Amino acid sequence: MVLAGCATTPDAADRPAEAALTVALAAPVSCLDPHQTPQTPNLNVSRQLVDSLTDQDPETGEIVPWLATSWKVDDDAQRFTFTLRDGVTFSDGAPLDAAAVVANFDDIFRLGAKSALGSGYFAGYEKSTAIDARTFEVRFGAPSAQFLQATSMVTIGMLSPATLKKTPDERCAGELVGSGPYVLGKIAFNEEVRFTARAGYAWPSKLATNQGAPRVRALNFAIVTDPSARHGSLVSGQIDADLQVLQQDQASFGETGPRLLSGTRPGIVYTLLPNETRPALRDPAVRLAIGAALDRTKFAPLLAAGERPATDVIATTTPGYANRSAALSYKPEEAARLAEEAGWKIGPDGVRAKGSERLSFNLVYSASEVYGPVYQLMAQQLAEVGIELKPTPLDDATNSARQGEGDYDFVSWAVTRGDPSVLASVYPVKSANPLRRAKPDGVDSTIARIATVVDPAERAQAVSDAAEAILSAGHGIPLFEQAASIGIAEKVTGIRLDASGRAIFQDAEVGA
């Protein structure tokens, strides 16, 4: 496959930036290194700092030029050859050439498990080679049908060679230089992250309307965890954009005043993930009973604008999606039957037990997360069939430590990506593996096939097989589709969503 790029038209490259933009985030930022972090709030911020080789059209799914003007993929998707744009530099002045891209790819591969998303993108990676200053080749040991799309993701955003010499902790803390339209300024993780526009920037994605430097002089991300405070600040004009509008506030957006920009995030839907080392959760019957006891239709009032109950393990906007809502329907009688047949009997306190063990589980999550009310509703629904769920909000540091140590019964995750091989980032043993699975089995091999099959029909079948393997054993309990739902002040124009639902400010303008 060969795709030619378009000519650069930096009509705004020398235009003075005109205004400042304040954007409210619903959760604190914990790590700014896009090569490492999988968390959405972090990546929303990091996207402004780095460019990617390609971009993905959110309407068509087509992969289009960004830093790469063209590429060739061999017939079995094991060798990729890219040609870079001329004249691109990092903000420290270093050239963004083939050697710099090779260094970035090698960095992500070496990070291994520290790059929860990147490790999946580079599965089977052998090496990258700079052929000349503008051309490089990437080789895989097996077909990697997913890799071209991966090059559009912020995780594979380009960092300067000097940045790559920093420690992972230094990079998380913000010692980062990218080639993107903005440069990092002040960082206070629990309060704000400030950017300034990069003068002379002239290499945005083909999808950008503004092919030059950003028109917004300063881009400030403010941490505002209270949704009422965010919405009130948007309406009053204290902020210019709210990156997470709740369902309850959706009706307040109209033809005048602040408006709503919304789109379903592709990838793994928000999913309840069991720690399968826990004795009770080793049993698929228990996991399936929990899934059957959840009435997802009742979640809607508690979700963000545009979010809706899950109907598959992946979102409707992900290639390979199929409506599997029958497998996710509310079946409390089935839940009770599965628990009974597995030996769990209703105890005097209404909670099922087997001997001295109660069917009781904790669900750990960050206290800054917005889905606490959904978890409380889930606990009520599970209690109706004799299963106790204890939502356990924790501060960010404790939550991270508990999840890292596997000290939980359940966690809830979603992973954004416009390719079905996103499943490989969560479920296999050699992945982030929040299920704490120890031995690869048919689930791993079924998911792995998605990334290696080139034929579209065969790939669709591989996705279907993987979804069936996950759902039939209760390895994941899909809850709801996430959406990017952004409230935008009336005076602001040009903010758009990329294919992952992340806000892009390259085209943004602020009026009077």
Protein backbone atom coordinates (compact mmCIF):
# COMPACT_ATOMS: atom_id res chain seq x y z
CA MET A 1 0.00 0.00 0.00
CA VAL A 2 1.31 3.48 -0.89
CA LEU A 3 -0.24 6.75 0.21
CA ALA A 4 1.03 10.07 -1.04
CA GLY A 5 1.05 13.10 1.23
CA CYS A 6 -0.16 16.60 0.57
CA ALA A 7 1.92 19.71 0.18
CA THR A 8 2.55 21.80 3.28
CA THR A 9 0.65 25.08 3.27
CA PRO A 10 1.78 26.93 6.41
CA ASP A 11 -0.49 29.91 5.79
CA ALA A 12 -0.64 30.57 9.54
CA ALA A 13 2.97 29.71 10.39
CA ASP A 14 4.04 33.33 10.76
CA ARG A 15 0.71 34.64 12.00
CA PRO A 16 0.90 35.91 15.60
CA ALA A 17 -1.03 33.76 18.03
CA GLU A 18 -4.12 35.61 19.14
CA ALA A 19 -5.45 34.42 22.49
CA ALA A 20 -5.32 32.12 25.48
CA LEU A 21 -7.53 29.09 26.03
CA THR A 22 -8.37 27.52 29.42
CA VAL A 23 -9.51 23.90 29.35
CA ALA A 24 -10.91 22.07 32.40
CA LEU A 25 -9.88 18.46 33.08
CA ALA A 26 -12.07 16.22 35.25
CA ALA A 27 -9.14 14.36 36.83
CA PRO A 28 -5.57 15.17 37.88
CA VAL A 29 -2.65 14.51 35.56
CA SER A 30 -0.14 11.95 36.85
CA CYS A 31 2.33 11.32 34.00
CA LEU A 32 2.97 13.35 30.87
CA ASP A 33 5.19 10.92 28.95
CA PRO A 34 3.00 9.64 26.09
CA HIS A 35 5.29 6.62 25.62
CA GLN A 36 4.42 5.42 29.12
CA THR A 37 1.00 6.58 30.30
CA PRO A 38 -2.24 4.81 29.32
CA GLN A 39 -4.56 7.18 31.23
CA THR A 40 -6.93 9.36 29.20
CA PRO A 41 -6.42 12.63 31.17
CA ASN A 42 -2.65 12.35 30.74
CA LEU A 43 -2.90 11.58 27.02
CA ASN A 44 -5.35 14.44 26.44
CA VAL A 45 -2.64 16.78 27.67
CA SER A 46 0.37 15.02 26.09
CA ARG A 47 -1.25 15.05 22.64
CA GLN A 48 -0.61 18.79 22.43
CA LEU A 49 3.14 18.23 22.83
CA VAL A 50 3.84 15.54 20.24
CA ASP A 51 3.16 14.77 16.59
CA SER A 52 2.63 11.28 15.20
CA LEU A 53 3.75 9.72 11.93
CA THR A 54 0.16 9.43 10.70
CA ASP A 55 -3.33 10.53 11.66
CA GLN A 56 -6.65 8.69 11.45
CA ASP A 57 -9.72 10.31 9.96
CA PRO A 58 -12.44 10.00 12.64
CA GLU A 59 -15.18 9.84 10.01
CA THR A 60 -13.74 7.21 7.65
CA GLY A 61 -11.00 5.49 9.67
CA GLU A 62 -8.55 6.24 6.84
CA ILE A 63 -4.89 6.64 7.81
CA VAL A 64 -3.57 9.95 6.44
CA PRO A 65 -0.19 11.78 6.42
CA TRP A 66 1.24 13.72 9.31
CA LEU A 67 5.01 13.54 9.90
CA ALA A 68 5.19 10.81 7.27
CA THR A 69 4.28 11.89 3.74
CA SER A 70 4.00 8.33 2.41
CA TRP A 71 4.51 4.69 3.36
CA LYS A 72 4.68 1.21 1.89
CA VAL A 73 3.55 -1.98 3.60
CA ASP A 74 4.61 -5.36 2.25
CA ASP A 75 2.01 -8.01 1.47
CA ASP A 76 2.24 -9.81 4.82
CA ALA A 77 2.47 -6.61 6.93
CA GLN A 78 5.90 -7.42 8.34
CA ARG A 79 7.90 -4.62 6.74
CA PHE A 80 6.86 -0.95 6.77
CA THR A 81 8.81 1.77 4.95
CA PHE A 82 8.05 5.42 5.76
CA THR A 83 9.15 8.69 4.14
CA LEU A 84 9.25 11.73 6.42
CA ARG A 85 8.44 15.38 5.81
CA ASP A 86 11.40 17.67 5.30
CA GLY A 87 12.32 20.41 7.76
CA VAL A 88 10.58 19.14 10.90
CA THR A 89 12.34 19.88 14.19
CA PHE A 90 11.79 19.31 17.88
CA SER A 91 11.36 22.40 20.03
CA ASP A 92 14.98 22.03 21.26
CA GLY A 93 16.15 22.45 17.65
CA ALA A 94 17.04 18.80 16.99
CA PRO A 95 15.94 17.51 13.57
CA LEU A 96 13.08 15.06 13.40
CA ASP A 97 14.80 12.70 10.97
CA ALA A 98 14.77 8.96 10.40
CA ALA A 99 17.33 8.37 13.17
CA ALA A 100 15.12 10.22 15.67
CA VAL A 101 12.09 8.11 14.74
CA VAL A 102 14.12 4.90 15.09
CA ALA A 103 15.24 6.07 18.55
CA ASN A 104 11.60 6.66 19.54
CA PHE A 105 10.50 3.24 18.35
CA ASP A 106 13.38 1.53 20.15
CA ASP A 107 12.54 3.49 23.30
CA ILE A 108 8.92 2.33 23.36
CA PHE A 109 9.99 -1.26 22.74
CA ARG A 110 12.60 -1.12 25.54
CA LEU A 111 10.07 0.31 27.98
CA GLY A 112 8.23 -3.01 27.77
CA ALA A 113 5.61 -3.23 30.52
CA LYS A 114 6.22 0.44 31.42
CA SER A 115 4.49 1.24 28.13
CA ALA A 116 1.15 -0.47 28.72
CA LEU A 117 -0.17 0.55 25.31
CA GLY A 118 3.08 0.67 23.35
CA SER A 119 4.02 -2.89 24.25
CA GLY A 120 0.97 -4.04 22.30
CA TYR A 121 1.66 -1.77 19.35
CA PHE A 122 5.19 -3.19 19.09
CA ALA A 123 4.34 -6.87 19.61
CA GLY A 124 6.67 -8.89 17.38
CA TYR A 125 8.96 -5.91 16.76
CA GLU A 126 12.40 -6.82 15.46
CA LYS A 127 14.10 -3.56 14.54
CA SER A 128 13.91 -0.21 12.80
CA THR A 129 16.56 1.04 10.39
CA ALA A 130 17.27 4.54 9.05
CA ILE A 131 17.83 4.16 5.31
CA ASP A 132 18.61 7.86 4.82
CA ALA A 133 17.70 11.08 6.60
CA ARG A 134 14.04 10.93 5.51
CA THR A 135 13.41 7.20 5.04
CA PHE A 136 13.28 4.37 7.55
CA GLU A 137 12.10 0.77 7.68
CA VAL A 138 10.33 -1.09 10.48
CA ARG A 139 10.45 -4.89 10.63
CA PHE A 140 8.31 -7.34 12.57
CA GLY A 141 8.89 -11.04 13.10
CA ALA A 142 5.27 -11.84 12.26
CA PRO A 143 2.47 -10.03 10.39
CA SER A 144 1.42 -6.84 12.21
CA ALA A 145 -1.78 -5.70 10.55
CA GLN A 146 -2.39 -3.28 13.41
CA PHE A 147 0.87 -1.31 13.24
CA LEU A 148 -0.02 1.30 10.63
CA GLN A 149 -3.00 2.45 12.66
CA ALA A 150 -0.82 2.41 15.78
CA THR A 151 1.43 5.06 14.23
CA SER A 152 -1.48 7.52 14.52
CA MET A 153 -1.75 7.10 18.30
CA VAL A 154 -0.38 9.60 20.79
CA THR A 155 1.58 6.79 22.49
CA ILE A 156 3.85 6.73 19.43
CA GLY A 157 4.22 10.51 19.49
CA MET A 158 7.72 11.75 18.74
CA LEU A 159 10.03 12.93 21.56
CA SER A 160 13.44 14.51 21.03
CA PRO A 161 16.56 12.32 21.28
CA ALA A 162 17.65 14.34 24.34
CA THR A 163 14.34 13.57 26.06
CA LEU A 164 14.76 9.85 25.39
CA LYS A 165 17.93 9.94 27.51
CA LYS A 166 15.93 11.01 30.56
CA THR A 167 14.75 8.41 33.07
CA PRO A 168 11.13 7.22 32.82
CA ASP A 169 10.33 9.03 36.08
CA GLU A 170 11.86 12.29 34.83
CA ARG A 171 9.80 12.06 31.68
CA CYS A 172 6.59 11.34 33.58
CA ALA A 173 7.27 14.45 35.65
CA GLY A 174 7.33 16.57 32.49
CA GLU A 175 10.95 16.71 31.34
CA LEU A 176 9.76 16.39 27.77
CA VAL A 177 10.51 17.99 24.42
CA GLY A 178 8.33 17.14 21.43
CA SER A 179 7.84 18.34 17.87
CA GLY A 180 4.22 19.36 18.41
CA PRO A 181 2.45 22.70 18.16
CA TYR A 182 2.78 23.46 21.87
CA VAL A 183 5.68 23.59 24.34
CA LEU A 184 5.36 22.68 28.02
CA GLY A 185 5.44 25.48 30.56
CA LYS A 186 4.29 25.34 34.18
CA ILE A 187 3.31 21.91 35.55
CA ALA A 188 1.42 21.36 38.81
CA PHE A 189 -0.14 17.92 38.46
CA ASN A 190 -3.05 18.45 40.87
CA GLU A 191 -3.75 21.97 39.66
CA GLU A 192 -2.75 22.83 36.09
CA VAL A 193 -0.52 22.21 33.08
CA ARG A 194 0.39 25.20 30.91
CA PHE A 195 1.55 25.26 27.29
CA THR A 196 2.74 28.01 24.97
CA ALA A 197 2.33 27.95 21.20
CA ARG A 198 5.45 27.06 19.26
CA ALA A 199 6.50 29.80 16.85
CA GLY A 200 7.24 28.54 13.33
CA TYR A 201 5.35 25.27 13.71
CA ALA A 202 4.39 24.19 10.16
CA TRP A 203 3.77 20.41 10.00
CA PRO A 204 0.33 19.52 11.39
CA SER A 205 -1.75 16.57 10.28
CA LYS A 206 -3.38 16.60 6.87
CA LEU A 207 -6.69 16.78 8.75
CA ALA A 208 -5.88 20.18 10.28
CA THR A 209 -7.51 23.23 8.72
CA ASN A 210 -4.75 25.48 10.03
CA GLN A 211 -1.49 24.26 8.48
CA GLY A 212 0.69 26.65 10.48
CA ALA A 213 1.41 27.70 14.04
CA PRO A 214 -1.48 27.55 16.55
CA ARG A 215 -3.65 30.62 16.67
CA VAL A 216 -4.07 30.23 20.43
CA ARG A 217 -1.07 31.75 22.22
CA ALA A 218 -1.41 29.92 25.54
CA LEU A 219 -3.18 26.63 26.24
CA ASN A 220 -3.88 26.00 29.92
CA PHE A 221 -5.31 22.77 31.35
CA ALA A 222 -6.92 23.36 34.75
CA ILE A 223 -7.84 20.47 37.07
CA VAL A 224 -11.49 20.87 38.11
CA THR A 225 -12.80 17.57 39.49
CA ASP A 226 -16.25 18.87 40.51
CA PRO A 227 -18.54 18.54 37.44
CA SER A 228 -20.88 21.27 38.70
CA ALA A 229 -17.96 23.65 39.10
CA ARG A 230 -16.72 22.84 35.59
CA HIS A 231 -20.09 23.41 34.01
CA GLY A 232 -20.73 26.57 36.00
CA SER A 233 -17.33 27.93 35.03
CA LEU A 234 -18.04 27.21 31.36
CA VAL A 235 -21.41 28.96 31.46
CA SER A 236 -19.97 31.96 33.31
CA GLY A 237 -17.02 32.27 30.93
CA GLN A 238 -14.29 31.43 33.45
CA ILE A 239 -13.15 28.50 31.31
CA ASP A 240 -13.28 27.99 27.55
CA ALA A 241 -13.79 24.21 27.38
CA ASP A 242 -14.90 21.39 29.70
CA LEU A 243 -13.44 18.05 28.62
CA GLN A 244 -16.07 15.95 30.42
CA VAL A 245 -19.69 17.09 30.32
CA LEU A 246 -22.12 14.96 32.31
CA GLN A 247 -25.40 13.65 30.97
CA GLN A 248 -27.33 15.84 33.42
CA ASP A 249 -25.88 19.00 31.85
CA GLN A 250 -26.40 18.00 28.23
CA ALA A 251 -29.79 19.71 27.97
CA SER A 252 -28.25 23.10 28.81
CA PHE A 253 -26.40 23.25 25.48
CA GLY A 254 -28.27 24.84 22.61
CA GLU A 255 -27.94 26.98 19.51
CA THR A 256 -26.71 29.93 21.55
CA GLY A 257 -24.21 30.00 24.38
CA PRO A 258 -21.84 27.08 25.06
CA ARG A 259 -22.18 24.16 22.66
CA LEU A 260 -21.48 20.45 22.93
CA LEU A 261 -18.95 18.49 20.85
CA SER A 262 -19.36 14.75 21.32
CA GLY A 263 -18.12 11.48 19.85
CA THR A 264 -17.94 7.85 20.99
CA ARG A 265 -14.42 6.72 21.87
CA PRO A 266 -13.30 3.65 19.90
CA GLY A 267 -11.56 0.72 21.56
CA ILE A 268 -12.34 -1.35 24.65
CA VAL A 269 -15.53 -0.13 26.33
CA TYR A 270 -15.50 0.65 30.04
CA THR A 271 -15.25 -2.83 31.47
CA LEU A 272 -15.34 -4.48 34.89
CA LEU A 273 -12.23 -6.69 35.04
CA PRO A 274 -11.93 -9.52 37.59
CA ASN A 275 -8.73 -10.47 39.39
CA GLU A 276 -8.76 -14.13 38.40
CA THR A 277 -6.28 -15.11 41.10
CA ARG A 278 -9.07 -14.61 43.68
CA PRO A 279 -10.55 -18.04 44.55
CA ALA A 280 -14.18 -17.18 43.79
CA LEU A 281 -13.28 -15.27 40.61
CA ARG A 282 -11.35 -18.20 39.18
CA ASP A 283 -14.75 -19.74 38.46
CA PRO A 284 -16.24 -18.53 35.15
CA ALA A 285 -19.73 -19.19 36.56
CA VAL A 286 -19.24 -16.51 39.22
CA ARG A 287 -17.93 -14.01 36.69
CA LEU A 288 -20.84 -14.73 34.36
CA ALA A 289 -23.33 -14.40 37.22
CA ILE A 290 -22.01 -10.92 37.99
CA GLY A 291 -22.39 -9.87 34.37
CA ALA A 292 -25.94 -11.23 34.15
CA ALA A 293 -27.00 -9.37 37.32
CA LEU A 294 -26.21 -5.92 35.89
CA ASP A 295 -28.96 -3.86 34.29
CA ARG A 296 -26.88 -1.56 32.10
CA THR A 297 -29.92 0.38 30.88
CA LYS A 298 -30.10 1.97 34.35
CA PHE A 299 -26.60 3.46 34.01
CA ALA A 300 -27.59 6.12 31.46
CA PRO A 301 -28.52 9.01 33.84
CA LEU A 302 -25.17 8.63 35.62
CA LEU A 303 -22.96 8.73 32.54
CA ALA A 304 -21.33 11.55 30.63
CA ALA A 305 -23.10 13.05 27.65
CA GLY A 306 -22.98 10.69 24.68
CA GLU A 307 -22.13 7.61 26.75
CA ARG A 308 -24.39 4.56 26.53
CA PRO A 309 -24.63 0.95 27.72
CA ALA A 310 -22.13 -1.42 26.10
CA THR A 311 -23.31 -3.84 23.43
CA ASP A 312 -19.94 -5.50 22.75
CA VAL A 313 -16.45 -5.73 24.23
CA ILE A 314 -15.42 -2.94 21.84
CA ALA A 315 -17.20 0.31 21.01
CA THR A 316 -19.49 0.82 18.04
CA THR A 317 -16.87 3.07 16.43
CA THR A 318 -14.21 0.32 16.39
CA PRO A 319 -13.64 -1.82 13.27
CA GLY A 320 -14.92 -5.32 13.94
CA TYR A 321 -17.72 -4.21 16.28
CA ALA A 322 -20.84 -6.40 16.30
CA ASN A 323 -24.01 -6.08 18.32
CA ARG A 324 -23.63 -8.66 21.09
CA SER A 325 -26.21 -7.07 23.36
CA ALA A 326 -27.95 -10.43 23.85
CA ALA A 327 -24.88 -11.64 25.74
CA LEU A 328 -24.98 -8.50 27.90
CA SER A 329 -28.68 -8.37 28.70
CA TYR A 330 -30.06 -8.17 32.23
CA LYS A 331 -30.84 -11.72 33.43
CA PRO A 332 -31.12 -11.78 37.24
CA GLU A 333 -32.69 -15.26 37.27
CA GLU A 334 -29.75 -16.56 35.25
CA ALA A 335 -27.34 -14.87 37.63
CA ALA A 336 -28.98 -16.54 40.61
CA ARG A 337 -28.99 -19.93 38.88
CA LEU A 338 -25.29 -19.74 38.01
CA ALA A 339 -24.38 -18.78 41.57
CA GLU A 340 -26.56 -21.53 43.05
CA GLU A 341 -25.14 -24.22 40.77
CA ALA A 342 -21.62 -23.09 41.68
CA GLY A 343 -22.44 -23.79 45.33
CA TRP A 344 -23.07 -20.23 46.56
CA LYS A 345 -26.12 -20.16 48.84
CA ILE A 346 -27.91 -17.13 50.25
CA GLY A 347 -26.71 -16.47 53.82
CA PRO A 348 -28.54 -14.89 56.75
CA ASP A 349 -27.24 -11.43 55.80
CA GLY A 350 -28.48 -11.79 52.21
CA VAL A 351 -24.99 -12.41 50.80
CA ARG A 352 -24.22 -15.75 49.20
CA ALA A 353 -21.63 -17.95 50.86
CA LYS A 354 -19.89 -21.27 50.42
CA GLY A 355 -18.68 -22.57 53.75
CA SER A 356 -16.94 -19.65 55.46
CA GLU A 357 -16.35 -17.70 52.25
CA ARG A 358 -18.79 -14.94 51.32
CA LEU A 359 -19.42 -13.87 47.74
CA SER A 360 -18.08 -10.41 48.49
CA PHE A 361 -15.70 -8.33 46.35
CA ASN A 362 -14.03 -4.94 46.39
CA LEU A 363 -13.77 -2.68 43.36
CA VAL A 364 -10.86 -0.26 43.68
CA TYR A 365 -10.80 3.00 41.73
CA SER A 366 -9.47 6.54 41.94
CA ALA A 367 -11.56 8.88 44.10
CA SER A 368 -11.13 11.49 41.34
CA GLU A 369 -12.93 9.23 38.86
CA VAL A 370 -16.42 10.34 37.83
CA TYR A 371 -18.06 6.91 37.79
CA GLY A 372 -18.50 6.39 41.54
CA PRO A 373 -22.32 6.67 41.29
CA VAL A 374 -22.33 3.96 38.58
CA TYR A 375 -20.40 1.64 40.90
CA GLN A 376 -22.86 2.29 43.72
CA LEU A 377 -25.75 1.38 41.42
CA MET A 378 -23.92 -1.79 40.36
CA ALA A 379 -23.52 -2.72 44.03
CA GLN A 380 -27.27 -2.33 44.54
CA GLN A 381 -28.07 -4.50 41.52
CA LEU A 382 -25.66 -7.24 42.55
CA ALA A 383 -27.04 -7.23 46.09
CA GLU A 384 -30.42 -8.23 44.65
CA VAL A 385 -28.96 -11.61 43.63
CA GLY A 386 -26.88 -12.08 46.81
CA ILE A 387 -23.51 -10.77 45.59
CA GLU A 388 -21.76 -8.05 47.58
CA LEU A 389 -19.72 -5.43 45.70
CA LYS A 390 -17.86 -2.84 47.77
CA PRO A 391 -16.81 0.19 45.68
CA THR A 392 -13.54 1.39 47.21
CA PRO A 393 -12.42 4.90 46.20
CA LEU A 394 -8.73 5.60 46.82
CA ASP A 395 -6.37 8.52 46.36
CA ASP A 396 -4.42 8.33 43.12
CA ALA A 397 -1.15 7.10 44.65
CA THR A 398 -2.86 4.36 46.67
CA ASN A 399 -5.02 3.31 43.74
CA SER A 400 -1.99 3.06 41.48
CA ALA A 401 -0.11 1.00 44.08
CA ARG A 402 -3.05 -1.34 44.73
CA GLN A 403 -3.57 -1.94 41.03
CA GLY A 404 0.14 -2.45 40.45
CA GLU A 405 0.33 -5.03 43.25
CA GLY A 406 -2.86 -6.82 42.22
CA ASP A 407 -4.48 -5.95 45.57
CA TYR A 408 -8.08 -5.88 44.39
CA ASP A 409 -10.97 -8.09 43.33
CA PHE A 410 -12.15 -5.85 40.50
CA VAL A 411 -10.94 -2.83 38.56
CA SER A 412 -12.63 -0.99 35.71
CA TRP A 413 -10.71 -0.05 32.57
CA ALA A 414 -11.27 1.30 29.09
CA VAL A 415 -8.61 1.59 26.39
CA THR A 416 -9.06 3.94 23.45
CA ARG A 417 -7.92 2.88 20.01
CA GLY A 418 -9.53 2.73 16.57
CA ASP A 419 -8.38 -0.84 15.88
CA PRO A 420 -9.72 -4.14 17.31
CA SER A 421 -6.23 -5.32 18.27
CA VAL A 422 -6.73 -3.00 21.25
CA LEU A 423 -8.00 -6.15 23.00
CA ALA A 424 -4.37 -7.29 23.20
CA SER A 425 -3.60 -4.46 25.64
CA VAL A 426 -5.75 -5.90 28.45
CA TYR A 427 -6.65 -9.57 28.22
CA PRO A 428 -3.56 -11.67 27.30
CA VAL A 429 -1.04 -12.73 29.92
CA LYS A 430 1.65 -10.71 28.14
CA SER A 431 -0.24 -7.41 28.35
CA ALA A 432 -1.15 -4.96 31.11
CA ASN A 433 -3.13 -7.99 32.36
CA PRO A 434 -5.30 -6.51 35.14
CA LEU A 435 -6.97 -9.94 35.22
CA ARG A 436 -3.65 -11.25 36.67
CA ARG A 437 -3.89 -14.30 34.43
CA ALA A 438 -0.82 -16.52 34.77
CA LYS A 439 -0.95 -19.01 31.89
CA PRO A 440 -1.67 -18.21 28.23
CA ASP A 441 -4.55 -20.16 26.72
CA GLY A 442 -7.02 -19.94 23.87
CA VAL A 443 -7.97 -16.37 24.78
CA ASP A 444 -4.41 -15.20 24.20
CA SER A 445 -3.98 -16.95 20.86
CA THR A 446 -7.41 -15.86 19.63
CA ILE A 447 -6.71 -12.21 20.41
CA ALA A 448 -3.20 -12.42 18.97
CA ARG A 449 -4.63 -13.51 15.63
CA ILE A 450 -6.35 -10.13 15.15
CA ALA A 451 -3.00 -8.39 14.75
CA THR A 452 -1.59 -10.90 12.28
CA VAL A 453 -4.46 -11.39 9.82
CA VAL A 454 -4.34 -9.08 6.80
CA ASP A 455 -7.44 -10.23 4.88
CA PRO A 456 -10.43 -8.08 6.04
CA ALA A 457 -12.93 -10.95 6.22
CA GLU A 458 -10.53 -13.16 8.15
CA ARG A 459 -9.72 -10.28 10.47
CA ALA A 460 -13.42 -9.67 11.16
CA GLN A 461 -13.79 -13.35 12.06
CA ALA A 462 -10.77 -13.13 14.36
CA VAL A 463 -12.38 -10.19 16.19
CA SER A 464 -15.63 -12.12 16.55
CA ASP A 465 -13.79 -15.16 17.93
CA ALA A 466 -11.93 -12.99 20.42
CA ALA A 467 -15.10 -11.27 21.63
CA GLU A 468 -16.78 -14.64 22.08
CA ALA A 469 -13.80 -15.99 24.04
CA ILE A 470 -13.88 -13.00 26.40
CA LEU A 471 -17.64 -12.93 26.94
CA SER A 472 -18.28 -16.67 27.20
CA ALA A 473 -15.82 -17.00 30.09
CA GLY A 474 -16.56 -13.66 31.77
CA HIS A 475 -12.98 -12.45 31.45
CA GLY A 476 -14.40 -8.98 30.98
CA ILE A 477 -17.80 -7.58 31.97
CA PRO A 478 -18.53 -4.70 29.56
CA LEU A 479 -20.37 -1.80 31.19
CA PHE A 480 -20.72 1.21 28.88
CA GLU A 481 -19.23 3.00 25.92
CA GLN A 482 -17.25 6.08 26.80
CA ALA A 483 -17.64 9.28 24.84
CA ALA A 484 -15.68 12.43 24.45
CA SER A 485 -18.20 15.08 25.42
CA ILE A 486 -16.70 18.54 25.39
CA GLY A 487 -18.46 21.73 26.34
CA ILE A 488 -17.09 24.68 24.35
CA ALA A 489 -17.61 28.38 25.05
CA GLU A 490 -19.55 30.31 22.45
CA LYS A 491 -16.55 32.50 21.60
CA VAL A 492 -14.31 29.50 20.79
CA THR A 493 -14.22 27.84 17.37
CA GLY A 494 -12.07 25.22 15.67
CA ILE A 495 -11.68 22.60 18.43
CA ARG A 496 -12.05 19.16 16.89
CA LEU A 497 -11.91 15.53 18.04
CA ASP A 498 -9.38 13.10 16.67
CA ALA A 499 -10.20 9.45 15.95
CA SER A 500 -9.59 8.60 19.63
CA GLY A 501 -11.93 11.33 20.84
CA ARG A 502 -9.10 13.57 22.06
CA ALA A 503 -9.49 17.31 21.70
CA ILE A 504 -7.17 18.92 19.14
CA PHE A 505 -6.50 22.65 19.49
CA GLN A 506 -4.39 23.27 16.37
CA ASP A 507 -7.30 24.92 14.57
CA ALA A 508 -8.81 26.65 17.64
CA GLU A 509 -9.56 30.37 17.71
CA VAL A 510 -10.95 32.59 20.44
CA GLY A 511 -13.24 35.44 19.47
CA ALA A 512 -14.05 38.58 21.36
